[in-house]
Amino acid sequence: MSKEISLEQRIARMEDTEEIKKLKYTYAQILDDGYDPDRVASLFTEDGLWSISGVGGTARGKDNIKKHSVNLGNDIIWGQHNMFAPVIEVAEDGMTAEGDFYLICLLTMKTPEAEDGKEAYILAGKYHDKFVKIDGKWYFKELVGHIDQSSPWSEGWVKQPFVKEEW
């Protein structure tokens, strides 16, 4: 049996959902602006988890998130992270939430094997994130992505399919 919620509660959930979307899109913008470690870490709780399986790696806690951000920024020359199709569930208490997003990402990576030292890549994947509201602001508790496909643009995923790691 579902519990009736007030109009004010419904509006609060909608506002929370929009704030969570903004958080996710801010994350994408910061990555696309060069992976600033302080800005990336500011989106997470103190013990937050940033984990991208397939390609990307894992970091827990703000200090490790900063280090991971620097490492990624050293290898990625340019990127455009496109987050879309969000499905967000805010808990009844309005203090936690979970959300799913799709990703299409275009990158220029440093690639020593390439003639000019760089290669264009296309990535596709999904995120399942956990959020927490602290002092009225939403943060990532866990940002967890799984890359389903990562291929050089010149080859594409048909000629060079991505070998997925197991979850």
Foldseek 3Di string as FASTA:
>chain_A
DDDDDDPVLVVLVVVLVVQVVVLVVQLQVCLQVQLQLVSNLVQADQQAWEAEFLDQGIATGSVRSSVSSVVVSVFWPGKGKDKDDKDKDADSVNFKIKIKIKIWMWTWTQDCVDPVRIFIKIWIWMWIWMWGADPNHIHTNYTYIYTLFIDTPVQDCVRPNRDGDDD
